[in-house]
Amino acid sequence: MNFNSKPILFLMLSVFFFNLTGCHFFESNQVSNSEITAASSWSKKDQYPRFSSCEGLEPEEERNCFESVISSTIYDYIADQGWVASQNIDAEVVLNLVVDQEGFVSMKSLDASENVLGTIPNLETTLHEAVSMIPQAQAGVKTNVGILVATSFTLPLRIFAQEEN
């Protein structure tokens, strides 16, 4: 039996050479938590969520437009509800909202005193319904990595009601 040793020798040398030069493919780079935090922090270059009706504006105007659409949608919904308070109230509540990676807005939580919740019994349910009426937005973009991101923000609401006589 006559074996041609040149192809086998070439194959063995190729594998050996690849192993010597390919080791860097298996190295891992350690990234510190502070570097990760710095890279994922919101910057002025990142793009806030926006509605198509607000496109083409300057970044600050686009953000104001976004906030205005959310505020007016919630206000209009609440105005149609005809709330009746059991006592006079002048208080602030805070809606904690999230715009997910698909652009859907949801209410994460409501910060309100027990007095406010007791005075307006359907407050939390109504605010959930109001938030569900907000149109779908375009998600925020973390521009340094080019991915859509969920964005959290707060919306303070001033509630002023007088007891019906």
C-alpha atoms as a PDB file:
ATOM      1  CA  MET A   1       0.000   0.000   0.000  1.00  0.00           C
ATOM      2  CA  ASN A   2       1.465   3.321  -1.051  1.00  0.00           C
ATOM      3  CA  PHE A   3       0.306   6.380   0.892  1.00  0.00           C
ATOM      4  CA  ASN A   4       0.942   9.797  -0.438  1.00  0.00           C
ATOM      5  CA  SER A   5       2.228  11.625   2.620  1.00  0.00           C
ATOM      6  CA  LYS A   6       2.182  15.164   1.185  1.00  0.00           C
ATOM      7  CA  PRO A   7      -1.589  15.755   1.616  1.00  0.00           C
ATOM      8  CA  ILE A   8      -1.516  14.350   5.143  1.00  0.00           C
ATOM      9  CA  LEU A   9       1.526  16.419   6.056  1.00  0.00           C
ATOM     10  CA  PHE A  10      -0.117  19.543   4.580  1.00  0.00           C
ATOM     11  CA  LEU A  11      -3.309  18.872   6.555  1.00  0.00           C
ATOM     12  CA  MET A  12      -1.426  18.385   9.809  1.00  0.00           C
ATOM     13  CA  LEU A  13       0.637  21.542   9.303  1.00  0.00           C
ATOM     14  CA  SER A  14      -2.509  23.516   8.434  1.00  0.00           C
ATOM     15  CA  VAL A  15      -4.289  22.353  11.582  1.00  0.00           C
ATOM     16  CA  PHE A  16      -1.209  23.093  13.683  1.00  0.00           C
ATOM     17  CA  PHE A  17      -0.864  26.575  12.145  1.00  0.00           C
ATOM     18  CA  PHE A  18      -4.571  27.292  12.606  1.00  0.00           C
ATOM     19  CA  ASN A  19      -4.361  26.299  16.268  1.00  0.00           C
ATOM     20  CA  LEU A  20      -1.448  28.638  16.833  1.00  0.00           C
ATOM     21  CA  THR A  21      -3.026  31.618  15.095  1.00  0.00           C
ATOM     22  CA  GLY A  22      -6.649  30.962  16.014  1.00  0.00           C
ATOM     23  CA  CYS A  23      -6.268  31.067  19.780  1.00  0.00           C
ATOM     24  CA  HIS A  24      -7.244  34.719  19.954  1.00  0.00           C
ATOM     25  CA  PHE A  25     -10.756  33.733  18.791  1.00  0.00           C
ATOM     26  CA  PHE A  26     -11.318  32.079  22.139  1.00  0.00           C
ATOM     27  CA  GLU A  27     -10.080  34.917  24.302  1.00  0.00           C
ATOM     28  CA  SER A  28     -12.682  36.844  26.234  1.00  0.00           C
ATOM     29  CA  ASN A  29     -12.587  40.500  27.086  1.00  0.00           C
ATOM     30  CA  GLN A  30     -13.698  41.475  30.537  1.00  0.00           C
ATOM     31  CA  VAL A  31     -15.877  44.574  30.614  1.00  0.00           C
ATOM     32  CA  SER A  32     -16.299  46.275  33.953  1.00  0.00           C
ATOM     33  CA  ASN A  33     -19.705  47.107  35.385  1.00  0.00           C
ATOM     34  CA  SER A  34     -18.859  50.814  35.245  1.00  0.00           C
ATOM     35  CA  GLU A  35     -18.161  50.559  31.497  1.00  0.00           C
ATOM     36  CA  ILE A  36     -21.470  48.765  30.968  1.00  0.00           C
ATOM     37  CA  THR A  37     -23.319  51.380  33.020  1.00  0.00           C
ATOM     38  CA  ALA A  38     -21.649  54.233  31.135  1.00  0.00           C
ATOM     39  CA  ALA A  39     -22.483  52.686  27.745  1.00  0.00           C
ATOM     40  CA  SER A  40     -26.108  52.034  28.679  1.00  0.00           C
ATOM     41  CA  SER A  41     -26.833  55.403  30.308  1.00  0.00           C
ATOM     42  CA  TRP A  42     -29.100  57.682  28.326  1.00  0.00           C
ATOM     43  CA  SER A  43     -27.228  60.328  26.377  1.00  0.00           C
ATOM     44  CA  LYS A  44     -28.205  63.345  24.293  1.00  0.00           C
ATOM     45  CA  LYS A  45     -27.438  61.370  21.134  1.00  0.00           C
ATOM     46  CA  ASP A  46     -29.998  58.667  21.985  1.00  0.00           C
ATOM     47  CA  GLN A  47     -33.461  58.947  20.508  1.00  0.00           C
ATOM     48  CA  TYR A  48     -36.470  59.222  22.794  1.00  0.00           C
ATOM     49  CA  PRO A  49     -39.662  57.412  21.889  1.00  0.00           C
ATOM     50  CA  ARG A  50     -41.790  59.431  19.496  1.00  0.00           C
ATOM     51  CA  PHE A  51     -45.071  59.487  17.702  1.00  0.00           C
ATOM     52  CA  SER A  52     -45.218  59.680  13.922  1.00  0.00           C
ATOM     53  CA  SER A  53     -47.177  62.942  14.260  1.00  0.00           C
ATOM     54  CA  CYS A  54     -44.096  64.474  15.962  1.00  0.00           C
ATOM     55  CA  GLU A  55     -41.496  63.421  13.384  1.00  0.00           C
ATOM     56  CA  GLY A  56     -39.380  66.015  11.634  1.00  0.00           C
ATOM     57  CA  LEU A  57     -39.176  68.347  14.606  1.00  0.00           C
ATOM     58  CA  GLU A  58     -36.020  69.377  16.414  1.00  0.00           C
ATOM     59  CA  PRO A  59     -35.118  66.854  19.171  1.00  0.00           C
ATOM     60  CA  GLU A  60     -36.370  69.021  22.058  1.00  0.00           C
ATOM     61  CA  GLU A  61     -39.586  69.917  20.185  1.00  0.00           C
ATOM     62  CA  GLU A  62     -40.080  66.245  19.298  1.00  0.00           C
ATOM     63  CA  ARG A  63     -39.794  65.309  22.971  1.00  0.00           C
ATOM     64  CA  ASN A  64     -42.244  68.064  23.973  1.00  0.00           C
ATOM     65  CA  CYS A  65     -44.650  66.836  21.286  1.00  0.00           C
ATOM     66  CA  PHE A  66     -44.353  63.265  22.613  1.00  0.00           C
ATOM     67  CA  GLU A  67     -45.137  64.420  26.156  1.00  0.00           C
ATOM     68  CA  SER A  68     -48.010  66.559  24.882  1.00  0.00           C
ATOM     69  CA  VAL A  69     -49.638  63.625  23.047  1.00  0.00           C
ATOM     70  CA  ILE A  70     -49.474  61.499  26.203  1.00  0.00           C
ATOM     71  CA  SER A  71     -50.730  64.261  28.495  1.00  0.00           C
ATOM     72  CA  SER A  72     -53.606  65.288  26.242  1.00  0.00           C
ATOM     73  CA  THR A  73     -54.699  61.677  25.670  1.00  0.00           C
ATOM     74  CA  ILE A  74     -54.853  61.046  29.415  1.00  0.00           C
ATOM     75  CA  TYR A  75     -56.493  64.402  30.132  1.00  0.00           C
ATOM     76  CA  ASP A  76     -59.162  63.902  27.439  1.00  0.00           C
ATOM     77  CA  TYR A  77     -59.982  60.429  28.740  1.00  0.00           C
ATOM     78  CA  ILE A  78     -60.264  61.645  32.336  1.00  0.00           C
ATOM     79  CA  ALA A  79     -62.403  64.635  31.299  1.00  0.00           C
ATOM     80  CA  ASP A  80     -64.899  62.256  29.656  1.00  0.00           C
ATOM     81  CA  GLN A  81     -65.255  60.170  32.831  1.00  0.00           C
ATOM     82  CA  GLY A  82     -67.164  62.698  34.941  1.00  0.00           C
ATOM     83  CA  TRP A  83     -65.361  61.850  38.166  1.00  0.00           C
ATOM     84  CA  VAL A  84     -67.111  62.722  41.387  1.00  0.00           C
ATOM     85  CA  ALA A  85     -64.986  63.159  44.503  1.00  0.00           C
ATOM     86  CA  SER A  86     -66.285  62.341  47.974  1.00  0.00           C
ATOM     87  CA  GLN A  87     -64.452  65.377  49.388  1.00  0.00           C
ATOM     88  CA  ASN A  88     -62.422  68.391  48.268  1.00  0.00           C
ATOM     89  CA  ILE A  89     -59.024  67.413  46.982  1.00  0.00           C
ATOM     90  CA  ASP A  90     -55.953  69.178  45.664  1.00  0.00           C
ATOM     91  CA  ALA A  91     -53.142  66.662  45.273  1.00  0.00           C
ATOM     92  CA  GLU A  92     -50.490  65.401  42.920  1.00  0.00           C
ATOM     93  CA  VAL A  93     -50.184  61.803  41.777  1.00  0.00           C
ATOM     94  CA  VAL A  94     -47.376  60.384  39.683  1.00  0.00           C
ATOM     95  CA  LEU A  95     -47.862  57.928  36.845  1.00  0.00           C
ATOM     96  CA  ASN A  96     -44.865  55.716  36.167  1.00  0.00           C
ATOM     97  CA  LEU A  97     -45.050  54.837  32.475  1.00  0.00           C
ATOM     98  CA  VAL A  98     -43.069  52.544  30.191  1.00  0.00           C
ATOM     99  CA  VAL A  99     -42.748  52.613  26.416  1.00  0.00           C
ATOM    100  CA  ASP A 100     -41.630  49.092  25.462  1.00  0.00           C
ATOM    101  CA  GLN A 101     -39.414  48.048  22.535  1.00  0.00           C
ATOM    102  CA  GLU A 102     -42.482  47.803  20.313  1.00  0.00           C
ATOM    103  CA  GLY A 103     -43.695  51.307  21.221  1.00  0.00           C
ATOM    104  CA  PHE A 104     -46.636  50.330  23.428  1.00  0.00           C
ATOM    105  CA  VAL A 105     -47.190  52.608  26.412  1.00  0.00           C
ATOM    106  CA  SER A 106     -48.248  51.049  29.704  1.00  0.00           C
ATOM    107  CA  MET A 107     -48.674  52.173  33.281  1.00  0.00           C
ATOM    108  CA  LYS A 108     -46.073  50.525  35.475  1.00  0.00           C
ATOM    109  CA  SER A 109     -47.378  51.977  38.738  1.00  0.00           C
ATOM    110  CA  LEU A 110     -49.195  54.871  40.357  1.00  0.00           C
ATOM    111  CA  ASP A 111     -47.793  56.887  43.244  1.00  0.00           C
ATOM    112  CA  ALA A 112     -50.771  58.329  45.109  1.00  0.00           C
ATOM    113  CA  SER A 113     -51.664  58.812  48.737  1.00  0.00           C
ATOM    114  CA  GLU A 114     -54.295  56.654  50.411  1.00  0.00           C
ATOM    115  CA  ASN A 115     -56.384  59.818  50.847  1.00  0.00           C
ATOM    116  CA  VAL A 116     -56.452  60.423  47.083  1.00  0.00           C
ATOM    117  CA  LEU A 117     -57.223  56.779  46.320  1.00  0.00           C
ATOM    118  CA  GLY A 118     -60.024  56.812  48.900  1.00  0.00           C
ATOM    119  CA  THR A 119     -61.473  60.080  47.598  1.00  0.00           C
ATOM    120  CA  ILE A 120     -61.514  58.924  43.961  1.00  0.00           C
ATOM    121  CA  PRO A 121     -62.186  55.178  44.157  1.00  0.00           C
ATOM    122  CA  ASN A 122     -61.711  54.401  40.441  1.00  0.00           C
ATOM    123  CA  LEU A 123     -58.562  56.484  40.050  1.00  0.00           C
ATOM    124  CA  GLU A 124     -56.075  53.694  39.338  1.00  0.00           C
ATOM    125  CA  THR A 125     -58.416  51.774  37.024  1.00  0.00           C
ATOM    126  CA  THR A 126     -59.317  54.914  35.102  1.00  0.00           C
ATOM    127  CA  LEU A 127     -55.675  55.888  34.690  1.00  0.00           C
ATOM    128  CA  HIS A 128     -54.853  52.389  33.402  1.00  0.00           C
ATOM    129  CA  GLU A 129     -57.665  52.770  30.860  1.00  0.00           C
ATOM    130  CA  ALA A 130     -56.472  56.272  29.919  1.00  0.00           C
ATOM    131  CA  VAL A 131     -52.928  55.041  29.315  1.00  0.00           C
ATOM    132  CA  SER A 132     -54.257  52.210  27.158  1.00  0.00           C
ATOM    133  CA  MET A 133     -55.773  54.875  24.861  1.00  0.00           C
ATOM    134  CA  ILE A 134     -52.334  56.348  24.075  1.00  0.00           C
ATOM    135  CA  PRO A 135     -51.429  55.521  20.464  1.00  0.00           C
ATOM    136  CA  GLN A 136     -48.529  53.221  19.708  1.00  0.00           C
ATOM    137  CA  ALA A 137     -45.240  55.116  19.510  1.00  0.00           C
ATOM    138  CA  GLN A 138     -41.909  54.379  17.924  1.00  0.00           C
ATOM    139  CA  ALA A 139     -39.639  52.951  20.608  1.00  0.00           C
ATOM    140  CA  GLY A 140     -36.588  54.756  21.910  1.00  0.00           C
ATOM    141  CA  VAL A 141     -33.247  53.942  20.313  1.00  0.00           C
ATOM    142  CA  LYS A 142     -29.939  53.507  22.112  1.00  0.00           C
ATOM    143  CA  THR A 143     -27.864  54.956  19.290  1.00  0.00           C
ATOM    144  CA  ASN A 144     -24.414  53.751  20.370  1.00  0.00           C
ATOM    145  CA  VAL A 145     -25.558  50.148  19.859  1.00  0.00           C
ATOM    146  CA  GLY A 146     -28.460  50.756  17.461  1.00  0.00           C
ATOM    147  CA  ILE A 147     -31.139  48.842  19.346  1.00  0.00           C
ATOM    148  CA  LEU A 148     -34.698  49.633  20.354  1.00  0.00           C
ATOM    149  CA  VAL A 149     -35.066  50.048  24.097  1.00  0.00           C
ATOM    150  CA  ALA A 150     -37.826  50.237  26.658  1.00  0.00           C
ATOM    151  CA  THR A 151     -38.024  53.713  28.176  1.00  0.00           C
ATOM    152  CA  SER A 152     -39.423  54.549  31.605  1.00  0.00           C
ATOM    153  CA  PHE A 153     -40.606  57.985  32.617  1.00  0.00           C
ATOM    154  CA  THR A 154     -42.868  59.676  35.116  1.00  0.00           C
ATOM    155  CA  LEU A 155     -45.856  61.889  34.510  1.00  0.00           C
ATOM    156  CA  PRO A 156     -47.035  64.004  37.435  1.00  0.00           C
ATOM    157  CA  LEU A 157     -50.772  64.770  37.443  1.00  0.00           C
ATOM    158  CA  ARG A 158     -52.386  67.479  39.523  1.00  0.00           C
ATOM    159  CA  ILE A 159     -55.835  66.466  40.737  1.00  0.00           C
ATOM    160  CA  PHE A 160     -58.135  69.195  41.866  1.00  0.00           C
ATOM    161  CA  ALA A 161     -61.740  68.405  42.740  1.00  0.00           C
ATOM    162  CA  GLN A 162     -64.475  70.021  44.715  1.00  0.00           C
ATOM    163  CA  GLU A 163     -67.162  68.140  46.558  1.00  0.00           C
ATOM    164  CA  GLU A 164     -70.551  68.294  44.885  1.00  0.00           C
ATOM    165  CA  ASN A 165     -73.185  70.153  46.891  1.00  0.00           C
END
